[in-house]
Amino acid sequence: MKRLKWPAWMPVDPYILLLLGTVGLAALVPAHGTSADVASGASTAAIAFLFFLYGARLSTREALDGLKHWRLHVTVLACTFVIFPLLGLAARGLVPVFLSNPLYQGLLFLTLVPSTIQSSIAFTSIARGNVPAAICAGSFSSLVGIVVTPLLAAALLGSSGGGFSADSLLEIVLQLLVPFLAGQVTRRWVGAFITRHKKVLGLVDRGSILLVVYTAFSEGMVQGIWHQVSPLRLGGLMVVEAVLLALMLALTWYGGKVLGFGREDRVAIQFAGSKKSLASGLPMASVLFGAHASLAVLPLMLFHQMQLMVCAVIAKRRSQDPLPAEAEAEAEEAAEVNAAGPASASRTAVGTATRSG
């Protein structure tokens, strides 16, 4: 029996559909009373387990080896935690014309989230870029983000973040950083088990995030937060995010060229430096914003889908670019043909046509 596959022509990530379905379930059947307490406790446990797995998966040796390419990693970190937040702050001028203040807070939080790992690696591989660099860059970004994202949120969002307080920093340490460090410490014992059951644990990962989304949006429904959002505001948010993504894709690609990086490194910088992690951002938002997390994660969910669709197209086009070695070989062959004269050129053309046919 053949396995069912997601149609290649359909640009929507099936996991996004599951997320949207979870949001719809929370809207129709939000958790109340005791069920809300149970969902909140399960969500807290799921977040801790997620970051334990993140820590257990990250190879300390690979991370240390990756430091050899420090210029590339510093560039990606600067894009993720400096340029992105600066653009987020600049978007403050769009309130209240394009964005409501709660949506802007969510947009600003989006710019503080670390980069992705899996999709950065996948797109870099498709585009024939520097895959090891993409692995290390995504891992470093996630590691740094556990500390930097909450600190940036405290500095840039403060009490306006809808429930964000100094206590949230302690919650970050207890729910995110401690489990992550525990995963690193126990990696030598559990690493092989996690590798063998990677697919099953991947489903646990995604299921945990769905639980976090359900809990956050249930709290938002109970608090009546969704009455603040209109279709016009959502349309304005999508336009702003499209511009933000376009700016970052251009800055990472052409900025890499200005900094003297080669093509393969520029591909890794573009895909690792222009994207934001839904897997890291959702749990962090749940911890930082509490009942207001539903509006905080909405911009991130929309941006995540947008970046996947756009980067898939870019990666496919980049895969058709001639690599420097291929271009050099073609130039040498053309030079030899020109030096040999018209007769040789004719024979070469015939041979090439024969091989192509």
Protein backbone atom coordinates (compact mmCIF):
# COMPACT_ATOMS: atom_id res chain seq x y z
CA MET A 1 0.00 0.00 0.00
CA LYS A 2 1.35 3.41 -0.95
CA ARG A 3 1.74 6.06 1.73
CA LEU A 4 -0.39 9.16 1.31
CA LYS A 5 1.68 12.25 0.61
CA TRP A 6 0.81 15.92 0.79
CA PRO A 7 0.22 17.24 -2.75
CA ALA A 8 3.29 19.11 -4.00
CA TRP A 9 1.12 21.72 -5.70
CA MET A 10 -0.52 22.75 -2.43
CA PRO A 11 1.64 25.50 -0.85
CA VAL A 12 0.09 25.37 2.63
CA ASP A 13 2.06 23.47 5.25
CA PRO A 14 -0.27 20.73 6.59
CA TYR A 15 0.91 21.48 10.10
CA ILE A 16 -0.36 25.03 9.72
CA LEU A 17 -3.77 23.55 8.93
CA LEU A 18 -3.56 21.56 12.16
CA LEU A 19 -2.66 24.74 14.03
CA LEU A 20 -5.60 26.57 12.48
CA GLY A 21 -7.86 23.64 13.33
CA THR A 22 -6.63 23.83 16.93
CA VAL A 23 -7.42 27.55 16.99
CA GLY A 24 -10.92 26.78 15.67
CA LEU A 25 -11.39 24.10 18.35
CA ALA A 26 -10.36 26.60 21.04
CA ALA A 27 -12.83 29.12 19.63
CA LEU A 28 -15.70 26.61 19.61
CA VAL A 29 -14.84 24.63 22.73
CA PRO A 30 -12.53 26.69 24.96
CA ALA A 31 -11.33 25.15 28.21
CA HIS A 32 -13.16 26.45 31.29
CA GLY A 33 -12.75 25.94 35.01
CA THR A 34 -11.15 22.64 35.97
CA SER A 35 -10.51 21.68 32.35
CA ALA A 36 -8.64 24.97 31.88
CA ASP A 37 -6.46 24.18 34.91
CA VAL A 38 -5.74 20.70 33.56
CA ALA A 39 -4.92 22.09 30.09
CA SER A 40 -2.65 24.75 31.62
CA GLY A 41 -0.77 22.17 33.68
CA ALA A 42 -0.40 19.85 30.69
CA SER A 43 0.80 22.77 28.57
CA THR A 44 3.43 23.69 31.16
CA ALA A 45 4.68 20.10 31.25
CA ALA A 46 4.68 19.92 27.44
CA ILE A 47 6.78 23.10 27.18
CA ALA A 48 9.35 21.76 29.66
CA PHE A 49 9.51 18.45 27.77
CA LEU A 50 9.94 20.25 24.44
CA PHE A 51 12.98 22.14 25.66
CA PHE A 52 14.39 19.03 27.29
CA LEU A 53 14.29 17.38 23.87
CA TYR A 54 15.88 20.46 22.26
CA GLY A 55 18.76 20.22 24.72
CA ALA A 56 19.16 16.46 24.30
CA ARG A 57 19.26 16.76 20.50
CA LEU A 58 21.89 19.50 20.32
CA SER A 59 25.35 17.99 20.03
CA THR A 60 27.77 20.04 22.12
CA ARG A 61 30.70 18.81 20.02
CA GLU A 62 29.03 19.89 16.76
CA ALA A 63 28.23 23.27 18.28
CA LEU A 64 31.86 23.79 19.32
CA ASP A 65 33.09 22.70 15.89
CA GLY A 66 30.72 25.18 14.32
CA LEU A 67 32.42 28.05 16.13
CA LYS A 68 35.19 27.83 13.53
CA HIS A 69 32.84 29.61 11.11
CA TRP A 70 32.19 32.36 13.65
CA ARG A 71 31.76 35.23 11.13
CA LEU A 72 28.77 33.52 9.54
CA HIS A 73 27.16 32.73 12.90
CA VAL A 74 27.67 36.27 14.18
CA THR A 75 26.04 37.54 10.99
CA VAL A 76 23.00 35.29 11.44
CA LEU A 77 22.68 36.22 15.13
CA ALA A 78 22.91 39.92 14.24
CA CYS A 79 20.12 39.49 11.68
CA THR A 80 17.96 37.56 14.15
CA PHE A 81 18.44 39.57 17.33
CA VAL A 82 19.50 43.04 16.11
CA ILE A 83 18.18 43.87 12.64
CA PHE A 84 14.85 42.06 13.08
CA PRO A 85 14.06 43.84 16.39
CA LEU A 86 15.09 47.21 14.92
CA LEU A 87 12.63 46.70 12.08
CA GLY A 88 10.03 45.66 14.66
CA LEU A 89 10.57 48.89 16.57
CA ALA A 90 10.32 50.88 13.33
CA ALA A 91 6.91 49.29 12.71
CA ARG A 92 5.63 51.16 15.76
CA GLY A 93 4.88 54.04 13.39
CA LEU A 94 2.21 51.87 11.72
CA VAL A 95 0.01 52.01 14.84
CA PRO A 96 -2.92 52.67 14.68
CA VAL A 97 -3.25 53.04 10.89
CA PHE A 98 -2.24 49.51 9.85
CA LEU A 99 -1.92 47.72 13.17
CA SER A 100 -3.74 47.78 16.47
CA ASN A 101 -1.50 48.01 19.52
CA PRO A 102 -2.03 44.33 20.58
CA LEU A 103 -1.16 43.11 17.07
CA TYR A 104 1.90 45.35 17.05
CA GLN A 105 3.03 43.81 20.35
CA GLY A 106 2.72 40.40 18.71
CA LEU A 107 4.65 41.60 15.67
CA LEU A 108 7.41 42.98 17.88
CA PHE A 109 7.57 39.70 19.78
CA LEU A 110 7.87 37.89 16.42
CA THR A 111 11.04 39.88 15.66
CA LEU A 112 12.61 38.74 18.96
CA VAL A 113 12.15 34.98 18.41
CA PRO A 114 15.16 32.80 17.40
CA SER A 115 15.65 31.37 13.93
CA THR A 116 14.43 27.98 12.76
CA ILE A 117 16.58 24.86 12.51
CA GLN A 118 14.81 22.23 10.41
CA SER A 119 13.46 24.45 7.64
CA SER A 120 16.71 26.44 7.42
CA ILE A 121 18.63 23.21 6.90
CA ALA A 122 16.09 21.87 4.38
CA PHE A 123 16.01 25.03 2.25
CA THR A 124 19.80 25.44 2.40
CA SER A 125 20.20 21.86 1.20
CA ILE A 126 17.74 22.35 -1.67
CA ALA A 127 19.53 25.55 -2.73
CA ARG A 128 22.92 23.76 -2.57
CA GLY A 129 24.22 25.98 0.19
CA ASN A 130 26.45 25.39 3.22
CA VAL A 131 24.35 22.84 5.14
CA PRO A 132 26.74 22.34 8.11
CA ALA A 133 26.78 26.10 8.62
CA ALA A 134 22.97 26.19 8.52
CA ILE A 135 22.81 23.44 11.15
CA CYS A 136 25.15 25.28 13.51
CA ALA A 137 23.58 28.70 12.83
CA GLY A 138 20.08 27.44 13.63
CA SER A 139 21.30 25.63 16.73
CA PHE A 140 23.20 28.66 18.03
CA SER A 141 20.19 30.89 17.38
CA SER A 142 17.88 28.58 19.35
CA LEU A 143 20.39 28.30 22.19
CA VAL A 144 20.98 32.05 22.41
CA GLY A 145 17.26 32.75 22.04
CA ILE A 146 16.41 30.93 25.27
CA VAL A 147 18.20 33.73 27.13
CA VAL A 148 18.14 36.67 24.72
CA THR A 149 14.48 36.54 23.63
CA PRO A 150 13.07 36.96 27.18
CA LEU A 151 15.59 39.72 27.94
CA LEU A 152 14.70 41.58 24.75
CA ALA A 153 11.01 41.10 25.51
CA ALA A 154 11.54 42.57 28.98
CA ALA A 155 13.39 45.56 27.53
CA LEU A 156 11.21 46.28 24.49
CA LEU A 157 7.77 45.06 25.55
CA GLY A 158 7.83 45.51 29.32
CA SER A 159 4.46 45.68 31.01
CA SER A 160 2.84 46.61 27.68
CA GLY A 161 3.32 43.02 26.56
CA GLY A 162 0.03 42.06 28.20
CA GLY A 163 0.95 40.32 31.41
CA PHE A 164 4.75 40.31 30.93
CA SER A 165 6.57 40.89 34.21
CA ALA A 166 9.84 40.18 35.98
CA ASP A 167 8.31 36.92 37.23
CA SER A 168 8.14 35.79 33.61
CA LEU A 169 11.94 35.75 33.49
CA LEU A 170 11.97 33.29 36.40
CA GLU A 171 9.34 31.19 34.62
CA ILE A 172 11.54 31.19 31.51
CA VAL A 173 14.46 29.90 33.56
CA LEU A 174 12.38 27.17 35.23
CA GLN A 175 10.28 26.08 32.22
CA LEU A 176 12.75 26.55 29.37
CA LEU A 177 16.37 26.95 30.41
CA VAL A 178 16.48 24.33 33.18
CA PRO A 179 14.90 21.58 31.01
CA PHE A 180 17.22 22.53 28.14
CA LEU A 181 20.30 22.23 30.37
CA ALA A 182 18.95 18.96 31.75
CA GLY A 183 18.71 17.66 28.19
CA GLN A 184 22.31 18.67 27.53
CA VAL A 185 23.53 16.97 30.72
CA THR A 186 21.63 13.72 30.06
CA ARG A 187 22.37 13.64 26.33
CA ARG A 188 25.09 11.01 26.77
CA TRP A 189 22.47 8.59 28.14
CA VAL A 190 19.33 9.53 26.21
CA GLY A 191 20.85 10.77 22.92
CA ALA A 192 20.88 7.36 21.25
CA PHE A 193 17.27 6.66 22.29
CA ILE A 194 16.14 10.03 20.91
CA THR A 195 17.95 9.38 17.63
CA ARG A 196 16.35 5.94 17.25
CA HIS A 197 12.85 7.29 17.93
CA LYS A 198 13.25 10.58 16.11
CA LYS A 199 9.99 10.27 14.13
CA VAL A 200 7.86 9.39 17.15
CA LEU A 201 9.37 12.17 19.25
CA GLY A 202 8.85 14.55 16.34
CA LEU A 203 5.13 13.82 16.57
CA VAL A 204 5.32 14.45 20.32
CA ASP A 205 7.00 17.78 19.55
CA ARG A 206 4.22 18.89 17.28
CA GLY A 207 1.49 17.53 19.50
CA SER A 208 2.93 19.48 22.43
CA ILE A 209 2.88 22.70 20.40
CA LEU A 210 -0.75 22.06 19.43
CA LEU A 211 -1.57 21.70 23.12
CA VAL A 212 0.19 25.00 23.86
CA VAL A 213 -1.78 26.70 21.07
CA TYR A 214 -5.10 25.30 22.33
CA THR A 215 -4.40 26.46 25.87
CA ALA A 216 -3.30 29.94 24.80
CA PHE A 217 -6.25 30.52 22.47
CA SER A 218 -8.71 29.09 24.99
CA GLU A 219 -7.52 31.64 27.54
CA GLY A 220 -7.84 34.35 24.91
CA MET A 221 -11.43 33.34 24.16
CA VAL A 222 -12.37 33.30 27.84
CA GLN A 223 -10.80 36.74 28.32
CA GLY A 224 -12.58 38.10 25.21
CA ILE A 225 -9.35 39.22 23.57
CA TRP A 226 -10.42 38.22 20.05
CA HIS A 227 -13.05 40.96 19.94
CA GLN A 228 -10.11 43.35 19.44
CA VAL A 229 -9.21 41.87 16.03
CA SER A 230 -10.96 42.74 12.76
CA PRO A 231 -10.44 41.33 9.23
CA LEU A 232 -9.09 44.72 8.14
CA ARG A 233 -6.46 44.63 10.89
CA LEU A 234 -5.48 41.08 9.92
CA GLY A 235 -5.05 42.21 6.30
CA GLY A 236 -2.84 45.08 7.43
CA LEU A 237 -0.77 42.69 9.54
CA MET A 238 -0.18 40.37 6.57
CA VAL A 239 0.97 43.26 4.38
CA VAL A 240 3.39 44.45 7.06
CA GLU A 241 4.77 40.93 7.52
CA ALA A 242 5.22 40.49 3.77
CA VAL A 243 7.28 43.68 3.66
CA LEU A 244 9.28 42.57 6.73
CA LEU A 245 10.09 39.20 5.15
CA ALA A 246 11.07 40.80 1.83
CA LEU A 247 13.42 43.23 3.60
CA MET A 248 15.13 40.48 5.56
CA LEU A 249 15.53 38.21 2.53
CA ALA A 250 17.15 41.07 0.61
CA LEU A 251 19.36 42.18 3.51
CA THR A 252 20.65 38.68 4.24
CA TRP A 253 21.42 37.89 0.59
CA TYR A 254 23.01 41.15 -0.54
CA GLY A 255 24.47 41.89 2.88
CA GLY A 256 26.28 38.55 2.75
CA LYS A 257 27.81 39.58 -0.55
CA VAL A 258 28.97 42.92 0.87
CA LEU A 259 30.57 41.11 3.81
CA GLY A 260 32.55 38.91 1.42
CA PHE A 261 30.80 35.56 1.91
CA GLY A 262 30.72 33.01 -0.90
CA ARG A 263 27.55 31.75 -2.54
CA GLU A 264 27.10 28.69 -0.29
CA ASP A 265 27.54 30.75 2.86
CA ARG A 266 25.17 33.44 1.58
CA VAL A 267 22.49 30.79 1.03
CA ALA A 268 22.86 29.62 4.64
CA ILE A 269 22.79 33.22 5.91
CA GLN A 270 19.67 34.03 3.90
CA PHE A 271 17.63 31.06 5.09
CA ALA A 272 18.85 31.06 8.70
CA GLY A 273 18.82 34.84 9.12
CA SER A 274 15.43 35.64 7.61
CA LYS A 275 13.19 33.13 9.39
CA LYS A 276 11.59 32.81 12.81
CA SER A 277 10.91 29.64 14.78
CA LEU A 278 7.30 28.73 15.52
CA ALA A 279 8.45 25.81 17.69
CA SER A 280 10.46 28.09 20.00
CA GLY A 281 8.22 31.15 19.81
CA LEU A 282 4.93 29.50 20.80
CA PRO A 283 6.12 28.07 24.13
CA MET A 284 7.95 31.30 24.97
CA ALA A 285 4.86 33.39 24.25
CA SER A 286 2.76 31.10 26.42
CA VAL A 287 5.14 31.65 29.33
CA LEU A 288 5.65 35.38 28.77
CA PHE A 289 2.13 36.56 27.94
CA GLY A 290 -0.26 34.19 29.69
CA ALA A 291 -3.88 34.91 28.68
CA HIS A 292 -2.67 37.40 26.07
CA ALA A 293 -0.52 34.79 24.31
CA SER A 294 -3.13 34.17 21.59
CA LEU A 295 -2.69 37.63 20.07
CA ALA A 296 1.06 37.49 20.66
CA VAL A 297 1.48 34.29 18.61
CA LEU A 298 -0.93 35.20 15.78
CA PRO A 299 1.67 37.29 13.88
CA LEU A 300 4.23 34.51 14.36
CA MET A 301 1.88 31.85 12.96
CA LEU A 302 1.12 33.95 9.89
CA PHE A 303 4.79 34.83 9.35
CA HIS A 304 5.80 31.18 9.71
CA GLN A 305 3.52 30.08 6.88
CA MET A 306 4.56 33.04 4.73
CA GLN A 307 8.27 32.34 5.17
CA LEU A 308 7.83 28.66 4.27
CA MET A 309 6.00 29.45 1.03
CA VAL A 310 8.39 32.20 -0.09
CA CYS A 311 11.59 30.41 0.91
CA ALA A 312 10.46 27.23 -0.86
CA VAL A 313 10.25 29.19 -4.12
CA ILE A 314 13.61 30.89 -3.52
CA ALA A 315 15.33 27.60 -2.64
CA LYS A 316 14.06 25.98 -5.83
CA ARG A 317 15.36 28.88 -7.93
CA ARG A 318 18.71 28.90 -6.11
CA SER A 319 19.09 25.19 -6.84
CA GLN A 320 19.27 26.03 -10.54
CA ASP A 321 22.14 28.50 -10.11
CA PRO A 322 25.46 27.26 -11.52
CA LEU A 323 27.94 26.63 -8.71
CA PRO A 324 31.31 28.44 -8.96
CA ALA A 325 33.14 25.20 -9.83
CA GLU A 326 30.60 24.39 -12.57
CA ALA A 327 30.79 27.90 -14.00
CA GLU A 328 34.60 27.76 -13.99
CA ALA A 329 34.59 24.39 -15.78
CA GLU A 330 32.18 25.72 -18.42
CA ALA A 331 34.37 28.79 -18.94
CA GLU A 332 37.50 26.63 -19.36
CA GLU A 333 35.69 24.38 -21.85
CA ALA A 334 34.53 27.40 -23.85
CA ALA A 335 38.05 28.82 -23.86
CA GLU A 336 39.47 25.52 -25.14
CA VAL A 337 36.84 25.37 -27.88
CA ASN A 338 37.57 28.93 -29.00
CA ALA A 339 41.31 28.25 -29.05
CA ALA A 340 40.86 25.07 -31.11
CA GLY A 341 38.98 26.87 -33.91
CA PRO A 342 35.60 26.60 -35.66
CA ALA A 343 35.91 22.93 -36.58
CA SER A 344 36.47 21.88 -33.00
CA ALA A 345 33.61 24.10 -31.87
CA SER A 346 31.31 22.39 -34.34
CA ARG A 347 32.32 18.94 -33.14
CA THR A 348 31.85 19.98 -29.49
CA ALA A 349 28.39 21.36 -30.22
CA VAL A 350 27.39 18.14 -31.97
CA GLY A 351 28.70 16.06 -29.07
CA THR A 352 26.85 18.19 -26.55
CA ALA A 353 23.60 17.92 -28.50
CA THR A 354 24.03 14.16 -28.72
CA ARG A 355 24.56 13.86 -24.98
CA SER A 356 21.57 16.11 -24.28
CA GLY A 357 19.37 14.05 -26.54
